[in-house]
Amino acid sequence: VGVSCATASETLKKLYGKGMLKRRPWKGVSLSEAGVREVDRILRNHRVFETYAYRFLSISLKDACKCARRIELYLSEEVVDSMCSIMGHPEKCPHNERIPRGDECCVRKYQS
């Protein structure tokens, strides 16, 4: 991966301290429920933005993905939900990967 053992260990400690990881004796480390929610949030941000940029801004898929990677951590839920709503709540991104549903945004669509 290109990082030292010390860096990896320190990163794991930080994630554990934030409640993103759980340790299981003899089984190692895995994502906690909070960790899974955070991964889903970041994936949703990336895939919704990427889809929006590709569909509406006429950006190549490669460039849309690059842009999404740069801002996926900083997009607000409101912005992502707005883009998602405008697109009709897509279920998959242009790479044919599942887009996690938003807590409010997509729930309304599927309850109708």
C-alpha atoms as a PDB file:
ATOM      1  CA  VAL A   1       0.000   0.000   0.000  1.00  0.00           C
ATOM      2  CA  GLY A   2       2.995   2.250   0.299  1.00  0.00           C
ATOM      3  CA  VAL A   3       2.831   3.197   3.996  1.00  0.00           C
ATOM      4  CA  SER A   4       5.046   2.164   6.866  1.00  0.00           C
ATOM      5  CA  CYS A   5       3.824  -0.189   9.595  1.00  0.00           C
ATOM      6  CA  ALA A   6       4.053   2.695  12.076  1.00  0.00           C
ATOM      7  CA  THR A   7       1.816   4.905   9.900  1.00  0.00           C
ATOM      8  CA  ALA A   8      -0.692   2.104   9.400  1.00  0.00           C
ATOM      9  CA  SER A   9      -0.740   1.369  13.122  1.00  0.00           C
ATOM     10  CA  GLU A  10      -1.241   5.039  14.009  1.00  0.00           C
ATOM     11  CA  THR A  11      -4.071   5.363  11.471  1.00  0.00           C
ATOM     12  CA  LEU A  12      -5.808   2.283  12.890  1.00  0.00           C
ATOM     13  CA  LYS A  13      -5.514   3.742  16.398  1.00  0.00           C
ATOM     14  CA  LYS A  14      -7.109   7.008  15.239  1.00  0.00           C
ATOM     15  CA  LEU A  15      -9.978   5.199  13.506  1.00  0.00           C
ATOM     16  CA  TYR A  16     -10.516   3.009  16.567  1.00  0.00           C
ATOM     17  CA  GLY A  17     -10.523   6.118  18.767  1.00  0.00           C
ATOM     18  CA  LYS A  18     -13.224   7.664  16.556  1.00  0.00           C
ATOM     19  CA  GLY A  19     -15.350   4.537  16.905  1.00  0.00           C
ATOM     20  CA  MET A  20     -14.953   3.517  13.259  1.00  0.00           C
ATOM     21  CA  LEU A  21     -13.328   0.160  14.008  1.00  0.00           C
ATOM     22  CA  LYS A  22     -13.889  -2.725  16.379  1.00  0.00           C
ATOM     23  CA  ARG A  23     -11.344  -5.269  17.531  1.00  0.00           C
ATOM     24  CA  ARG A  24     -12.225  -8.911  17.871  1.00  0.00           C
ATOM     25  CA  PRO A  25      -9.799 -11.196  19.687  1.00  0.00           C
ATOM     26  CA  TRP A  26      -8.092 -13.627  17.314  1.00  0.00           C
ATOM     27  CA  LYS A  27     -10.066 -12.237  14.370  1.00  0.00           C
ATOM     28  CA  GLY A  28      -8.464  -8.828  13.869  1.00  0.00           C
ATOM     29  CA  VAL A  29     -10.080  -5.497  13.116  1.00  0.00           C
ATOM     30  CA  SER A  30     -13.289  -4.736  11.242  1.00  0.00           C
ATOM     31  CA  LEU A  31     -15.551  -1.757  10.670  1.00  0.00           C
ATOM     32  CA  SER A  32     -17.959  -0.852  13.442  1.00  0.00           C
ATOM     33  CA  GLU A  33     -21.534   0.165  12.647  1.00  0.00           C
ATOM     34  CA  ALA A  34     -20.365   3.791  12.675  1.00  0.00           C
ATOM     35  CA  GLY A  35     -17.529   2.845  10.312  1.00  0.00           C
ATOM     36  CA  VAL A  36     -19.924   1.174   7.889  1.00  0.00           C
ATOM     37  CA  ARG A  37     -22.182   4.265   7.955  1.00  0.00           C
ATOM     38  CA  GLU A  38     -19.197   6.526   7.225  1.00  0.00           C
ATOM     39  CA  VAL A  39     -18.035   4.342   4.324  1.00  0.00           C
ATOM     40  CA  ASP A  40     -21.579   4.371   2.901  1.00  0.00           C
ATOM     41  CA  ARG A  41     -21.705   8.177   3.252  1.00  0.00           C
ATOM     42  CA  ILE A  42     -18.422   8.610   1.383  1.00  0.00           C
ATOM     43  CA  LEU A  43     -19.421   6.100  -1.317  1.00  0.00           C
ATOM     44  CA  ARG A  44     -22.773   7.871  -1.742  1.00  0.00           C
ATOM     45  CA  ASN A  45     -21.081  11.269  -2.014  1.00  0.00           C
ATOM     46  CA  HIS A  46     -18.606   9.965  -4.588  1.00  0.00           C
ATOM     47  CA  ARG A  47     -21.088   8.051  -6.713  1.00  0.00           C
ATOM     48  CA  VAL A  48     -23.832  10.678  -6.702  1.00  0.00           C
ATOM     49  CA  PHE A  49     -21.407  13.490  -7.573  1.00  0.00           C
ATOM     50  CA  GLU A  50     -19.689  11.390 -10.227  1.00  0.00           C
ATOM     51  CA  THR A  51     -23.040  10.469 -11.801  1.00  0.00           C
ATOM     52  CA  TYR A  52     -24.239  14.089 -11.710  1.00  0.00           C
ATOM     53  CA  ALA A  53     -21.018  15.436 -13.240  1.00  0.00           C
ATOM     54  CA  TYR A  54     -21.042  12.787 -15.952  1.00  0.00           C
ATOM     55  CA  ARG A  55     -24.735  13.218 -16.852  1.00  0.00           C
ATOM     56  CA  PHE A  56     -25.268  16.957 -16.469  1.00  0.00           C
ATOM     57  CA  LEU A  57     -21.867  18.603 -16.839  1.00  0.00           C
ATOM     58  CA  SER A  58     -20.692  16.568 -19.846  1.00  0.00           C
ATOM     59  CA  ILE A  59     -17.491  15.620 -18.046  1.00  0.00           C
ATOM     60  CA  SER A  60     -15.782  12.390 -19.112  1.00  0.00           C
ATOM     61  CA  LEU A  61     -16.327   9.504 -16.736  1.00  0.00           C
ATOM     62  CA  LYS A  62     -12.610   9.441 -15.912  1.00  0.00           C
ATOM     63  CA  ASP A  63     -12.594  13.162 -15.031  1.00  0.00           C
ATOM     64  CA  ALA A  64     -15.899  12.930 -13.128  1.00  0.00           C
ATOM     65  CA  CYS A  65     -14.374  10.158 -10.998  1.00  0.00           C
ATOM     66  CA  LYS A  66     -11.219  12.223 -10.357  1.00  0.00           C
ATOM     67  CA  CYS A  67     -13.288  15.242  -9.302  1.00  0.00           C
ATOM     68  CA  ALA A  68     -15.475  13.089  -7.054  1.00  0.00           C
ATOM     69  CA  ARG A  69     -12.396  11.677  -5.323  1.00  0.00           C
ATOM     70  CA  ARG A  70     -11.193  15.195  -4.540  1.00  0.00           C
ATOM     71  CA  ILE A  71     -14.417  16.385  -2.919  1.00  0.00           C
ATOM     72  CA  GLU A  72     -16.230  13.263  -1.663  1.00  0.00           C
ATOM     73  CA  LEU A  73     -15.211  13.943   1.943  1.00  0.00           C
ATOM     74  CA  TYR A  74     -16.443  17.536   1.886  1.00  0.00           C
ATOM     75  CA  LEU A  75     -19.890  17.357   0.251  1.00  0.00           C
ATOM     76  CA  SER A  76     -22.810  18.088   2.541  1.00  0.00           C
ATOM     77  CA  GLU A  77     -25.744  15.705   2.795  1.00  0.00           C
ATOM     78  CA  GLU A  78     -28.043  18.471   1.504  1.00  0.00           C
ATOM     79  CA  VAL A  79     -25.997  18.966  -1.677  1.00  0.00           C
ATOM     80  CA  VAL A  80     -25.771  15.227  -2.363  1.00  0.00           C
ATOM     81  CA  ASP A  81     -29.498  14.745  -1.695  1.00  0.00           C
ATOM     82  CA  SER A  82     -30.307  17.614  -4.067  1.00  0.00           C
ATOM     83  CA  MET A  83     -28.190  16.121  -6.863  1.00  0.00           C
ATOM     84  CA  CYS A  84     -29.723  12.707  -6.206  1.00  0.00           C
ATOM     85  CA  SER A  85     -33.270  14.095  -6.370  1.00  0.00           C
ATOM     86  CA  ILE A  86     -32.569  15.987  -9.599  1.00  0.00           C
ATOM     87  CA  MET A  87     -31.379  12.727 -11.175  1.00  0.00           C
ATOM     88  CA  GLY A  88     -34.414  10.749  -9.983  1.00  0.00           C
ATOM     89  CA  HIS A  89     -32.569   8.784  -7.279  1.00  0.00           C
ATOM     90  CA  PRO A  90     -30.302   6.620  -9.449  1.00  0.00           C
ATOM     91  CA  GLU A  91     -29.558   3.178  -8.047  1.00  0.00           C
ATOM     92  CA  LYS A  92     -26.190   2.780  -9.818  1.00  0.00           C
ATOM     93  CA  CYS A  93     -23.335   5.025 -10.881  1.00  0.00           C
ATOM     94  CA  PRO A  94     -21.891   5.043 -14.436  1.00  0.00           C
ATOM     95  CA  HIS A  95     -19.484   2.270 -13.322  1.00  0.00           C
ATOM     96  CA  ASN A  96     -22.577   0.128 -12.574  1.00  0.00           C
ATOM     97  CA  GLU A  97     -21.846   0.200  -8.829  1.00  0.00           C
ATOM     98  CA  ARG A  98     -24.639   0.511  -6.253  1.00  0.00           C
ATOM     99  CA  ILE A  99     -25.278   4.005  -4.881  1.00  0.00           C
ATOM    100  CA  PRO A 100     -26.140   3.800  -1.167  1.00  0.00           C
ATOM    101  CA  ARG A 101     -29.525   5.380  -0.439  1.00  0.00           C
ATOM    102  CA  GLY A 102     -29.716   8.628   1.479  1.00  0.00           C
ATOM    103  CA  ASP A 103     -31.347   8.613   4.900  1.00  0.00           C
ATOM    104  CA  GLU A 104     -34.051  11.078   3.878  1.00  0.00           C
ATOM    105  CA  CYS A 105     -33.741  11.676   0.156  1.00  0.00           C
ATOM    106  CA  CYS A 106     -34.187   8.183  -1.254  1.00  0.00           C
ATOM    107  CA  VAL A 107     -36.438   6.910   1.537  1.00  0.00           C
ATOM    108  CA  ARG A 108     -39.183   9.301   0.420  1.00  0.00           C
ATOM    109  CA  LYS A 109     -38.991   7.958  -3.137  1.00  0.00           C
ATOM    110  CA  TYR A 110     -39.276   4.322  -2.104  1.00  0.00           C
ATOM    111  CA  GLN A 111     -42.100   4.955   0.394  1.00  0.00           C
ATOM    112  CA  SER A 112     -44.355   6.468  -2.282  1.00  0.00           C
END
